[in-house]
Amino acid sequence: MSLFRKIDAKADLGAPASLKSSIQRAIRTKLVEQFPESLGANDGALLDQIWPKKEPVTTVKFKREHVQLIVVRGMPIFFQQYDGPFVPTLRVLHQYPDLLPKVQVDRGAIRFVLSGANIMAPGLTSAGGRLPEERLEKGTIVGVNSQGKEYEVSVGVLNMASDEIAAAGKGIAIDNLHCIGDDLWMICARGGL
């Protein structure tokens, strides 16, 4: 279920806090390790576009779900729940579509995905769904496209490997972390924090 449903800005969001340069370097290193093909390529050129080294960076805690937002120029660019992986916001993913591997859900799944529901295997294995040809491991962060749409509608994490999803054809395939229309999307659409 999407992490960003019904955010109460006063009660749920903490005050922005500046990040020390040492913490910024540690986060940048973790991002390159986490996304070596995209953010690590060309000496981190894509990461420098998303997050320029000289830009001041703040973090905002979303208390209810134990999520921290990494914010540059008032705009959330990545989020992290507890000590889990960093996940790009849809705004970043729409600007840099090759950042994450992609899957596609069929038309029937779109309304459920946009309501924040987790993504079931039948939505990915039906005629309108699509899994990548290369094997993606359990825990891989993916952009979720929908049949007939140009941009990703969700960002999620695989609950099982992509070949296991294809073989099983049932069950929760992807935990939906952030989708179009959730409160993080609305924060970004309004121009940031």
N, C-alpha and C. Protein backbone atom coordinates (compact mmCIF):
# COMPACT_ATOMS: atom_id res chain seq x y z
N MET A 1 0.84 -1.18 0.00
CA MET A 1 0.00 0.00 0.00
C MET A 1 0.89 1.24 0.00
N SER A 2 0.56 2.20 -0.82
CA SER A 2 1.37 3.42 -0.91
C SER A 2 1.64 4.01 0.47
N LEU A 3 2.87 4.44 0.68
CA LEU A 3 3.28 5.02 1.96
C LEU A 3 2.71 6.41 2.17
N PHE A 4 2.28 7.05 1.12
CA PHE A 4 1.95 8.47 1.19
C PHE A 4 0.47 8.75 1.00
N ARG A 5 -0.33 8.18 1.86
CA ARG A 5 -1.77 8.43 1.85
C ARG A 5 -2.12 9.29 3.04
N LYS A 6 -2.84 10.37 2.76
CA LYS A 6 -3.37 11.25 3.80
C LYS A 6 -2.29 11.80 4.74
N ILE A 7 -1.31 12.47 4.16
CA ILE A 7 -0.30 13.14 4.96
C ILE A 7 -0.90 14.41 5.55
N ASP A 8 -0.80 14.57 6.84
CA ASP A 8 -1.19 15.79 7.52
C ASP A 8 0.10 16.57 7.73
N ALA A 9 0.29 17.62 6.94
CA ALA A 9 1.56 18.34 6.94
C ALA A 9 1.97 18.82 8.34
N LYS A 10 1.02 19.21 9.15
CA LYS A 10 1.37 19.71 10.48
C LYS A 10 1.71 18.59 11.44
N ALA A 11 0.98 17.50 11.38
CA ALA A 11 1.18 16.42 12.35
C ALA A 11 2.19 15.38 11.88
N ASP A 12 2.24 15.10 10.58
CA ASP A 12 3.05 14.00 10.08
C ASP A 12 4.44 14.39 9.58
N LEU A 13 4.59 15.61 9.09
CA LEU A 13 5.88 16.03 8.55
C LEU A 13 6.66 16.82 9.58
N GLY A 14 7.90 16.42 9.78
CA GLY A 14 8.77 17.16 10.68
C GLY A 14 9.32 18.39 10.00
N ALA A 15 10.05 19.17 10.75
CA ALA A 15 10.68 20.37 10.19
C ALA A 15 11.87 19.96 9.32
N PRO A 16 12.11 20.68 8.22
CA PRO A 16 13.28 20.38 7.40
C PRO A 16 14.57 20.56 8.20
N ALA A 17 15.51 19.66 7.98
CA ALA A 17 16.81 19.73 8.66
C ALA A 17 17.91 19.65 7.61
N SER A 18 18.89 20.53 7.70
CA SER A 18 20.02 20.49 6.77
C SER A 18 20.87 19.26 7.03
N LEU A 19 21.42 18.72 5.95
CA LEU A 19 22.29 17.56 6.08
C LEU A 19 23.74 18.00 6.03
N LYS A 20 24.54 17.47 6.95
CA LYS A 20 25.99 17.74 6.93
C LYS A 20 26.56 17.17 5.64
N SER A 21 27.66 17.75 5.21
CA SER A 21 28.27 17.30 3.96
C SER A 21 28.72 15.84 4.05
N SER A 22 29.15 15.38 5.21
CA SER A 22 29.56 13.98 5.35
C SER A 22 28.37 13.03 5.16
N ILE A 23 27.21 13.43 5.66
CA ILE A 23 26.01 12.60 5.49
C ILE A 23 25.55 12.64 4.03
N GLN A 24 25.66 13.81 3.41
CA GLN A 24 25.33 13.91 1.99
C GLN A 24 26.20 12.98 1.16
N ARG A 25 27.50 12.97 1.44
CA ARG A 25 28.42 12.09 0.70
C ARG A 25 28.05 10.62 0.92
N ALA A 26 27.69 10.26 2.15
CA ALA A 26 27.31 8.88 2.44
C ALA A 26 26.05 8.48 1.68
N ILE A 27 25.08 9.37 1.61
CA ILE A 27 23.84 9.08 0.87
C ILE A 27 24.14 8.96 -0.61
N ARG A 28 24.94 9.88 -1.14
CA ARG A 28 25.29 9.82 -2.56
C ARG A 28 26.01 8.51 -2.90
N THR A 29 26.91 8.08 -2.01
CA THR A 29 27.62 6.82 -2.22
C THR A 29 26.64 5.66 -2.23
N LYS A 30 25.71 5.67 -1.29
CA LYS A 30 24.72 4.59 -1.23
C LYS A 30 23.85 4.58 -2.48
N LEU A 31 23.48 5.75 -2.99
CA LEU A 31 22.68 5.82 -4.22
C LEU A 31 23.42 5.23 -5.41
N VAL A 32 24.71 5.52 -5.52
CA VAL A 32 25.52 4.97 -6.61
C VAL A 32 25.64 3.46 -6.48
N GLU A 33 25.81 2.97 -5.24
CA GLU A 33 25.87 1.52 -5.02
C GLU A 33 24.54 0.85 -5.34
N GLN A 34 23.47 1.52 -5.00
CA GLN A 34 22.14 0.96 -5.19
C GLN A 34 21.72 0.96 -6.67
N PHE A 35 22.10 1.97 -7.41
CA PHE A 35 21.73 2.10 -8.82
C PHE A 35 22.99 2.26 -9.68
N PRO A 36 23.86 1.24 -9.73
CA PRO A 36 25.15 1.41 -10.42
C PRO A 36 25.02 1.65 -11.93
N GLU A 37 24.02 1.02 -12.58
CA GLU A 37 23.90 1.17 -14.04
C GLU A 37 23.43 2.56 -14.44
N SER A 38 22.63 3.20 -13.59
CA SER A 38 22.11 4.51 -13.96
C SER A 38 22.85 5.64 -13.24
N LEU A 39 22.84 5.65 -11.92
CA LEU A 39 23.47 6.75 -11.18
C LEU A 39 24.98 6.63 -11.10
N GLY A 40 25.50 5.42 -11.24
CA GLY A 40 26.95 5.23 -11.18
C GLY A 40 27.64 5.39 -12.52
N ALA A 41 26.88 5.37 -13.60
CA ALA A 41 27.47 5.48 -14.94
C ALA A 41 28.06 6.87 -15.17
N ASN A 42 29.08 6.93 -15.99
CA ASN A 42 29.73 8.20 -16.38
C ASN A 42 30.13 9.03 -15.16
N ASP A 43 30.75 8.39 -14.20
CA ASP A 43 31.22 9.05 -12.98
C ASP A 43 30.11 9.81 -12.25
N GLY A 44 28.91 9.24 -12.27
CA GLY A 44 27.81 9.84 -11.52
C GLY A 44 27.19 11.05 -12.17
N ALA A 45 27.29 11.16 -13.49
CA ALA A 45 26.77 12.35 -14.19
C ALA A 45 25.26 12.52 -13.98
N LEU A 46 24.51 11.42 -14.01
CA LEU A 46 23.06 11.52 -13.82
C LEU A 46 22.73 11.95 -12.39
N LEU A 47 23.44 11.41 -11.42
CA LEU A 47 23.22 11.81 -10.03
C LEU A 47 23.50 13.30 -9.86
N ASP A 48 24.55 13.81 -10.54
CA ASP A 48 24.87 15.24 -10.45
C ASP A 48 23.76 16.11 -11.07
N GLN A 49 23.06 15.57 -12.08
CA GLN A 49 21.93 16.32 -12.66
C GLN A 49 20.75 16.36 -11.69
N ILE A 50 20.47 15.21 -11.07
CA ILE A 50 19.35 15.12 -10.13
C ILE A 50 19.65 15.89 -8.85
N TRP A 51 20.87 15.74 -8.37
CA TRP A 51 21.29 16.30 -7.08
C TRP A 51 22.65 16.95 -7.26
N PRO A 52 22.71 18.21 -7.71
CA PRO A 52 23.99 18.89 -7.89
C PRO A 52 24.78 18.94 -6.57
N LYS A 53 26.08 18.69 -6.66
CA LYS A 53 26.91 18.61 -5.45
C LYS A 53 26.91 19.87 -4.61
N LYS A 54 26.80 21.01 -5.22
CA LYS A 54 26.89 22.27 -4.47
C LYS A 54 25.54 22.73 -3.91
N GLU A 55 24.47 22.03 -4.25
CA GLU A 55 23.14 22.42 -3.76
C GLU A 55 22.96 22.07 -2.29
N PRO A 56 22.38 22.97 -1.51
CA PRO A 56 22.06 22.61 -0.13
C PRO A 56 20.94 21.56 -0.12
N VAL A 57 21.08 20.60 0.77
CA VAL A 57 20.14 19.49 0.84
C VAL A 57 19.55 19.43 2.24
N THR A 58 18.24 19.18 2.29
CA THR A 58 17.59 19.01 3.59
C THR A 58 16.90 17.65 3.61
N THR A 59 16.54 17.25 4.79
CA THR A 59 15.75 16.04 4.95
C THR A 59 14.51 16.40 5.75
N VAL A 60 13.42 15.77 5.39
CA VAL A 60 12.16 15.97 6.11
C VAL A 60 11.67 14.59 6.51
N LYS A 61 11.34 14.44 7.77
CA LYS A 61 10.85 13.16 8.28
C LYS A 61 9.33 13.12 8.18
N PHE A 62 8.83 12.02 7.66
CA PHE A 62 7.40 11.72 7.64
C PHE A 62 7.21 10.72 8.77
N LYS A 63 6.77 11.22 9.92
CA LYS A 63 6.80 10.47 11.17
C LYS A 63 5.95 9.20 11.15
N ARG A 64 4.76 9.29 10.60
CA ARG A 64 3.83 8.17 10.70
C ARG A 64 4.38 6.89 10.07
N GLU A 65 5.04 6.98 8.96
CA GLU A 65 5.55 5.80 8.26
C GLU A 65 7.07 5.62 8.41
N HIS A 66 7.70 6.45 9.24
CA HIS A 66 9.15 6.39 9.45
C HIS A 66 9.90 6.53 8.12
N VAL A 67 9.53 7.55 7.39
CA VAL A 67 10.12 7.82 6.08
C VAL A 67 10.85 9.15 6.15
N GLN A 68 12.02 9.19 5.52
CA GLN A 68 12.71 10.47 5.36
C GLN A 68 12.72 10.83 3.89
N LEU A 69 12.47 12.10 3.60
CA LEU A 69 12.52 12.63 2.24
C LEU A 69 13.83 13.38 2.07
N ILE A 70 14.52 13.15 0.98
CA ILE A 70 15.71 13.93 0.62
C ILE A 70 15.21 15.04 -0.29
N VAL A 71 15.47 16.29 0.11
CA VAL A 71 14.89 17.44 -0.57
C VAL A 71 15.98 18.36 -1.10
N VAL A 72 15.90 18.69 -2.39
CA VAL A 72 16.81 19.63 -3.04
C VAL A 72 15.96 20.74 -3.65
N ARG A 73 16.30 21.99 -3.33
CA ARG A 73 15.55 23.16 -3.81
C ARG A 73 14.06 23.04 -3.48
N GLY A 74 13.75 22.49 -2.32
CA GLY A 74 12.37 22.35 -1.88
C GLY A 74 11.62 21.18 -2.47
N MET A 75 12.25 20.43 -3.38
CA MET A 75 11.58 19.33 -4.08
C MET A 75 12.10 17.98 -3.58
N PRO A 76 11.21 17.10 -3.11
CA PRO A 76 11.65 15.75 -2.73
C PRO A 76 12.18 15.01 -3.95
N ILE A 77 13.37 14.42 -3.81
CA ILE A 77 13.95 13.68 -4.94
C ILE A 77 14.05 12.18 -4.65
N PHE A 78 14.31 11.81 -3.41
CA PHE A 78 14.36 10.41 -3.00
C PHE A 78 13.69 10.29 -1.64
N PHE A 79 13.25 9.08 -1.31
CA PHE A 79 12.75 8.81 0.04
C PHE A 79 13.27 7.46 0.50
N GLN A 80 13.26 7.28 1.80
CA GLN A 80 13.77 6.05 2.41
C GLN A 80 12.91 5.72 3.62
N GLN A 81 12.45 4.48 3.72
CA GLN A 81 11.69 4.05 4.88
C GLN A 81 12.62 3.26 5.79
N TYR A 82 12.63 3.63 7.08
CA TYR A 82 13.56 3.06 8.06
C TYR A 82 14.96 3.13 7.47
N ASP A 83 15.70 2.01 7.44
CA ASP A 83 17.04 1.99 6.86
C ASP A 83 17.04 1.26 5.52
N GLY A 84 15.89 1.22 4.87
CA GLY A 84 15.75 0.52 3.60
C GLY A 84 16.42 1.26 2.46
N PRO A 85 16.17 0.80 1.26
CA PRO A 85 16.79 1.43 0.09
C PRO A 85 16.19 2.81 -0.17
N PHE A 86 16.96 3.63 -0.85
CA PHE A 86 16.46 4.93 -1.31
C PHE A 86 15.64 4.69 -2.57
N VAL A 87 14.52 5.40 -2.66
CA VAL A 87 13.59 5.25 -3.78
C VAL A 87 13.39 6.62 -4.41
N PRO A 88 13.52 6.73 -5.75
CA PRO A 88 13.27 8.04 -6.38
C PRO A 88 11.79 8.37 -6.38
N THR A 89 11.47 9.65 -6.31
CA THR A 89 10.08 10.07 -6.43
C THR A 89 9.66 9.94 -7.90
N LEU A 90 8.37 9.90 -8.13
CA LEU A 90 7.88 9.82 -9.51
C LEU A 90 8.30 11.04 -10.32
N ARG A 91 8.39 12.18 -9.68
CA ARG A 91 8.83 13.39 -10.39
C ARG A 91 10.23 13.18 -10.98
N VAL A 92 11.13 12.62 -10.19
CA VAL A 92 12.48 12.33 -10.67
C VAL A 92 12.43 11.25 -11.75
N LEU A 93 11.63 10.23 -11.53
CA LEU A 93 11.54 9.14 -12.50
C LEU A 93 10.96 9.62 -13.84
N HIS A 94 10.03 10.54 -13.81
CA HIS A 94 9.48 11.09 -15.06
C HIS A 94 10.53 11.92 -15.80
N GLN A 95 11.40 12.60 -15.06
CA GLN A 95 12.46 13.40 -15.70
C GLN A 95 13.59 12.51 -16.21
N TYR A 96 13.84 11.40 -15.52
CA TYR A 96 14.95 10.50 -15.87
C TYR A 96 14.41 9.08 -15.98
N PRO A 97 13.71 8.76 -17.07
CA PRO A 97 12.98 7.49 -17.17
C PRO A 97 13.85 6.23 -17.18
N ASP A 98 15.14 6.36 -17.43
CA ASP A 98 16.00 5.18 -17.45
C ASP A 98 16.64 4.89 -16.10
N LEU A 99 16.20 5.58 -15.08
CA LEU A 99 16.77 5.41 -13.74
C LEU A 99 16.49 4.03 -13.17
N LEU A 100 15.28 3.50 -13.39
CA LEU A 100 14.87 2.21 -12.82
C LEU A 100 14.45 1.24 -13.91
N PRO A 101 14.57 -0.07 -13.64
CA PRO A 101 13.95 -1.04 -14.56
C PRO A 101 12.44 -0.88 -14.52
N LYS A 102 11.77 -1.29 -15.61
CA LYS A 102 10.34 -1.06 -15.71
C LYS A 102 9.56 -2.37 -15.86
N VAL A 103 8.35 -2.33 -15.31
CA VAL A 103 7.35 -3.37 -15.55
C VAL A 103 6.10 -2.65 -16.03
N GLN A 104 5.14 -3.41 -16.55
CA GLN A 104 3.90 -2.79 -17.02
C GLN A 104 2.71 -3.58 -16.53
N VAL A 105 1.70 -2.86 -16.02
CA VAL A 105 0.45 -3.49 -15.62
C VAL A 105 -0.58 -3.33 -16.74
N ASP A 106 -1.56 -4.23 -16.76
CA ASP A 106 -2.62 -4.12 -17.76
C ASP A 106 -3.62 -3.04 -17.37
N ARG A 107 -4.51 -2.71 -18.30
CA ARG A 107 -5.48 -1.64 -18.07
C ARG A 107 -6.35 -1.89 -16.83
N GLY A 108 -6.70 -3.14 -16.59
CA GLY A 108 -7.57 -3.47 -15.46
C GLY A 108 -6.95 -3.17 -14.11
N ALA A 109 -5.64 -3.13 -14.03
CA ALA A 109 -4.95 -2.91 -12.76
C ALA A 109 -4.74 -1.43 -12.45
N ILE A 110 -4.87 -0.57 -13.44
CA ILE A 110 -4.50 0.84 -13.28
C ILE A 110 -5.23 1.50 -12.11
N ARG A 111 -6.55 1.33 -12.03
CA ARG A 111 -7.30 2.03 -10.97
C ARG A 111 -6.90 1.55 -9.58
N PHE A 112 -6.51 0.28 -9.46
CA PHE A 112 -6.08 -0.23 -8.17
C PHE A 112 -4.70 0.32 -7.79
N VAL A 113 -3.82 0.38 -8.78
CA VAL A 113 -2.48 0.92 -8.55
C VAL A 113 -2.58 2.39 -8.12
N LEU A 114 -3.43 3.16 -8.80
CA LEU A 114 -3.57 4.57 -8.48
C LEU A 114 -4.28 4.81 -7.15
N SER A 115 -4.97 3.80 -6.64
CA SER A 115 -5.57 3.93 -5.31
C SER A 115 -4.57 3.54 -4.22
N GLY A 116 -3.36 3.15 -4.63
CA GLY A 116 -2.31 2.82 -3.67
C GLY A 116 -2.17 1.34 -3.37
N ALA A 117 -2.97 0.50 -4.03
CA ALA A 117 -2.93 -0.94 -3.75
C ALA A 117 -1.62 -1.55 -4.27
N ASN A 118 -1.22 -2.63 -3.62
CA ASN A 118 -0.06 -3.38 -4.11
C ASN A 118 -0.42 -4.02 -5.44
N ILE A 119 0.60 -4.36 -6.23
CA ILE A 119 0.38 -4.84 -7.58
C ILE A 119 0.43 -6.36 -7.59
N MET A 120 -0.65 -6.95 -8.08
CA MET A 120 -0.80 -8.40 -8.11
C MET A 120 -0.18 -8.96 -9.39
N ALA A 121 0.29 -10.20 -9.31
CA ALA A 121 0.94 -10.85 -10.44
C ALA A 121 0.07 -10.91 -11.70
N PRO A 122 -1.24 -11.20 -11.60
CA PRO A 122 -2.04 -11.26 -12.83
C PRO A 122 -2.03 -9.97 -13.64
N GLY A 123 -1.89 -8.83 -12.98
CA GLY A 123 -1.82 -7.56 -13.71
C GLY A 123 -0.54 -7.40 -14.51
N LEU A 124 0.48 -8.18 -14.16
CA LEU A 124 1.76 -8.13 -14.88
C LEU A 124 1.90 -9.25 -15.91
N THR A 125 1.18 -10.36 -15.72
CA THR A 125 1.35 -11.53 -16.58
C THR A 125 0.25 -11.66 -17.63
N SER A 126 -0.78 -10.81 -17.57
CA SER A 126 -1.86 -10.87 -18.56
C SER A 126 -1.38 -10.27 -19.88
N ALA A 127 -2.29 -10.25 -20.86
CA ALA A 127 -1.92 -9.77 -22.20
C ALA A 127 -1.41 -8.33 -22.19
N GLY A 128 -1.96 -7.46 -21.36
CA GLY A 128 -1.54 -6.06 -21.33
C GLY A 128 -0.37 -5.79 -20.40
N GLY A 129 -0.03 -6.75 -19.57
CA GLY A 129 1.09 -6.59 -18.64
C GLY A 129 2.41 -6.98 -19.29
N ARG A 130 3.49 -6.59 -18.64
CA ARG A 130 4.80 -6.92 -19.21
C ARG A 130 5.86 -6.95 -18.10
N LEU A 131 6.64 -8.01 -18.11
CA LEU A 131 7.81 -8.11 -17.24
C LEU A 131 9.05 -8.01 -18.12
N PRO A 132 10.15 -7.50 -17.60
CA PRO A 132 11.36 -7.39 -18.44
C PRO A 132 11.91 -8.77 -18.78
N GLU A 133 12.63 -8.84 -19.90
CA GLU A 133 13.23 -10.10 -20.31
C GLU A 133 14.34 -10.52 -19.37
N GLU A 134 15.13 -9.56 -18.89
CA GLU A 134 16.19 -9.91 -17.94
C GLU A 134 15.58 -10.16 -16.56
N ARG A 135 16.18 -11.04 -15.82
CA ARG A 135 15.68 -11.41 -14.49
C ARG A 135 15.95 -10.27 -13.51
N LEU A 136 14.92 -9.88 -12.79
CA LEU A 136 15.06 -8.90 -11.73
C LEU A 136 14.90 -9.64 -10.41
N GLU A 137 15.78 -9.37 -9.47
CA GLU A 137 15.76 -10.05 -8.18
C GLU A 137 14.68 -9.50 -7.26
N LYS A 138 14.27 -10.31 -6.31
CA LYS A 138 13.37 -9.86 -5.25
C LYS A 138 14.03 -8.66 -4.57
N GLY A 139 13.25 -7.63 -4.25
CA GLY A 139 13.79 -6.43 -3.61
C GLY A 139 14.22 -5.35 -4.58
N THR A 140 14.16 -5.62 -5.89
CA THR A 140 14.52 -4.61 -6.89
C THR A 140 13.45 -3.52 -6.93
N ILE A 141 13.89 -2.29 -6.95
CA ILE A 141 12.96 -1.16 -7.07
C ILE A 141 12.67 -0.96 -8.55
N VAL A 142 11.38 -0.86 -8.88
CA VAL A 142 10.97 -0.77 -10.28
C VAL A 142 10.01 0.39 -10.49
N GLY A 143 10.04 0.92 -11.70
CA GLY A 143 9.03 1.87 -12.14
C GLY A 143 7.90 1.07 -12.77
N VAL A 144 6.67 1.41 -12.46
CA VAL A 144 5.52 0.68 -12.96
C VAL A 144 4.80 1.52 -14.01
N ASN A 145 4.87 1.07 -15.25
CA ASN A 145 4.13 1.69 -16.34
C ASN A 145 2.76 1.04 -16.40
N SER A 146 1.85 1.67 -17.12
CA SER A 146 0.55 1.05 -17.33
C SER A 146 0.27 0.99 -18.82
N GLN A 147 -0.47 -0.01 -19.22
CA GLN A 147 -0.79 -0.24 -20.62
C GLN A 147 -1.41 1.02 -21.22
N GLY A 148 -0.81 1.49 -22.31
CA GLY A 148 -1.34 2.64 -23.02
C GLY A 148 -0.90 4.00 -22.48
N LYS A 149 -0.08 4.03 -21.45
CA LYS A 149 0.38 5.30 -20.88
C LYS A 149 1.88 5.47 -21.11
N GLU A 150 2.31 6.73 -21.19
CA GLU A 150 3.71 7.02 -21.48
C GLU A 150 4.59 6.99 -20.23
N TYR A 151 4.09 7.53 -19.12
CA TYR A 151 4.90 7.68 -17.92
C TYR A 151 4.54 6.66 -16.85
N GLU A 152 5.47 6.46 -15.94
CA GLU A 152 5.25 5.54 -14.84
C GLU A 152 4.12 6.07 -13.96
N VAL A 153 3.32 5.15 -13.43
CA VAL A 153 2.22 5.53 -12.55
C VAL A 153 2.55 5.20 -11.10
N SER A 154 3.63 4.46 -10.90
CA SER A 154 3.96 4.01 -9.55
C SER A 154 5.44 3.64 -9.47
N VAL A 155 5.95 3.63 -8.24
CA VAL A 155 7.27 3.10 -7.94
C VAL A 155 7.05 2.05 -6.86
N GLY A 156 7.65 0.89 -7.05
CA GLY A 156 7.47 -0.18 -6.07
C GLY A 156 8.69 -1.05 -5.95
N VAL A 157 8.57 -2.04 -5.08
CA VAL A 157 9.67 -2.98 -4.85
C VAL A 157 9.13 -4.40 -5.08
N LEU A 158 9.90 -5.20 -5.83
CA LEU A 158 9.47 -6.55 -6.16
C LEU A 158 9.40 -7.41 -4.91
N ASN A 159 8.30 -8.14 -4.77
CA ASN A 159 8.10 -9.07 -3.67
C ASN A 159 8.70 -10.44 -3.96
N MET A 160 8.96 -10.70 -5.23
CA MET A 160 9.59 -11.93 -5.68
C MET A 160 10.31 -11.62 -6.98
N ALA A 161 11.21 -12.52 -7.38
CA ALA A 161 11.96 -12.31 -8.62
C ALA A 161 10.99 -12.29 -9.80
N SER A 162 11.37 -11.59 -10.87
CA SER A 162 10.48 -11.44 -12.02
C SER A 162 10.11 -12.78 -12.66
N ASP A 163 11.05 -13.72 -12.73
CA ASP A 163 10.71 -15.03 -13.30
C ASP A 163 9.77 -15.81 -12.39
N GLU A 164 9.85 -15.59 -11.09
CA GLU A 164 8.92 -16.24 -10.15
C GLU A 164 7.52 -15.65 -10.30
N ILE A 165 7.43 -14.35 -10.57
CA ILE A 165 6.13 -13.72 -10.81
C ILE A 165 5.49 -14.35 -12.04
N ALA A 166 6.28 -14.50 -13.12
CA ALA A 166 5.77 -15.08 -14.36
C ALA A 166 5.33 -16.53 -14.14
N ALA A 167 6.12 -17.29 -13.38
CA ALA A 167 5.79 -18.70 -13.16
C ALA A 167 4.57 -18.87 -12.25
N ALA A 168 4.49 -18.09 -11.18
CA ALA A 168 3.38 -18.24 -10.23
C ALA A 168 2.09 -17.67 -10.79
N GLY A 169 2.16 -16.48 -11.38
CA GLY A 169 0.97 -15.87 -11.95
C GLY A 169 -0.07 -15.42 -10.94
N LYS A 170 0.26 -15.47 -9.66
CA LYS A 170 -0.68 -15.02 -8.63
C LYS A 170 0.08 -14.51 -7.43
N GLY A 171 -0.63 -13.80 -6.57
CA GLY A 171 -0.02 -13.24 -5.37
C GLY A 171 0.42 -11.80 -5.56
N ILE A 172 0.90 -11.19 -4.45
CA ILE A 172 1.39 -9.82 -4.50
C ILE A 172 2.78 -9.83 -5.12
N ALA A 173 2.90 -9.17 -6.25
CA ALA A 173 4.17 -9.14 -6.98
C ALA A 173 5.03 -7.94 -6.60
N ILE A 174 4.38 -6.79 -6.38
CA ILE A 174 5.10 -5.54 -6.13
C ILE A 174 4.42 -4.79 -5.00
N ASP A 175 5.22 -4.36 -4.02
CA ASP A 175 4.72 -3.46 -2.99
C ASP A 175 4.72 -2.05 -3.58
N ASN A 176 3.57 -1.45 -3.66
CA ASN A 176 3.40 -0.11 -4.22
C ASN A 176 3.82 0.90 -3.15
N LEU A 177 4.92 1.62 -3.40
CA LEU A 177 5.43 2.57 -2.42
C LEU A 177 4.95 4.00 -2.63
N HIS A 178 4.80 4.38 -3.89
CA HIS A 178 4.50 5.79 -4.24
C HIS A 178 3.82 5.78 -5.60
N CYS A 179 2.66 6.44 -5.69
CA CYS A 179 1.93 6.42 -6.95
C CYS A 179 1.38 7.81 -7.29
N ILE A 180 1.00 7.97 -8.54
CA ILE A 180 0.37 9.21 -8.97
C ILE A 180 -0.89 9.42 -8.13
N GLY A 181 -1.04 10.63 -7.62
CA GLY A 181 -2.21 10.97 -6.84
C GLY A 181 -2.04 10.84 -5.34
N ASP A 182 -0.95 10.17 -4.89
CA ASP A 182 -0.76 10.11 -3.43
C ASP A 182 -0.23 11.45 -2.95
N ASP A 183 -0.08 11.58 -1.65
CA ASP A 183 0.27 12.90 -1.10
C ASP A 183 1.69 13.35 -1.46
N LEU A 184 2.63 12.43 -1.63
CA LEU A 184 3.97 12.83 -2.08
C LEU A 184 3.89 13.37 -3.51
N TRP A 185 3.09 12.73 -4.35
CA TRP A 185 2.88 13.22 -5.72
C TRP A 185 2.30 14.64 -5.68
N MET A 186 1.33 14.86 -4.79
CA MET A 186 0.68 16.17 -4.71
C MET A 186 1.65 17.24 -4.20
N ILE A 187 2.54 16.87 -3.25
CA ILE A 187 3.57 17.81 -2.79
C ILE A 187 4.45 18.24 -3.95
N CYS A 188 4.87 17.26 -4.76
CA CYS A 188 5.72 17.56 -5.92
C CYS A 188 4.97 18.38 -6.96
N ALA A 189 3.70 18.05 -7.19
CA ALA A 189 2.90 18.77 -8.18
C ALA A 189 2.67 20.23 -7.78
N ARG A 190 2.61 20.50 -6.49
CA ARG A 190 2.42 21.87 -5.99
C ARG A 190 3.72 22.66 -6.00
N GLY A 191 4.81 22.04 -6.38
CA GLY A 191 6.07 22.76 -6.43
C GLY A 191 7.01 22.49 -5.26
N GLY A 192 6.69 21.50 -4.45
CA GLY A 192 7.59 21.10 -3.37
C GLY A 192 7.14 21.56 -2.02
N LEU A 193 8.05 21.42 -1.06
CA LEU A 193 7.75 21.76 0.34
C LEU A 193 8.01 23.22 0.63
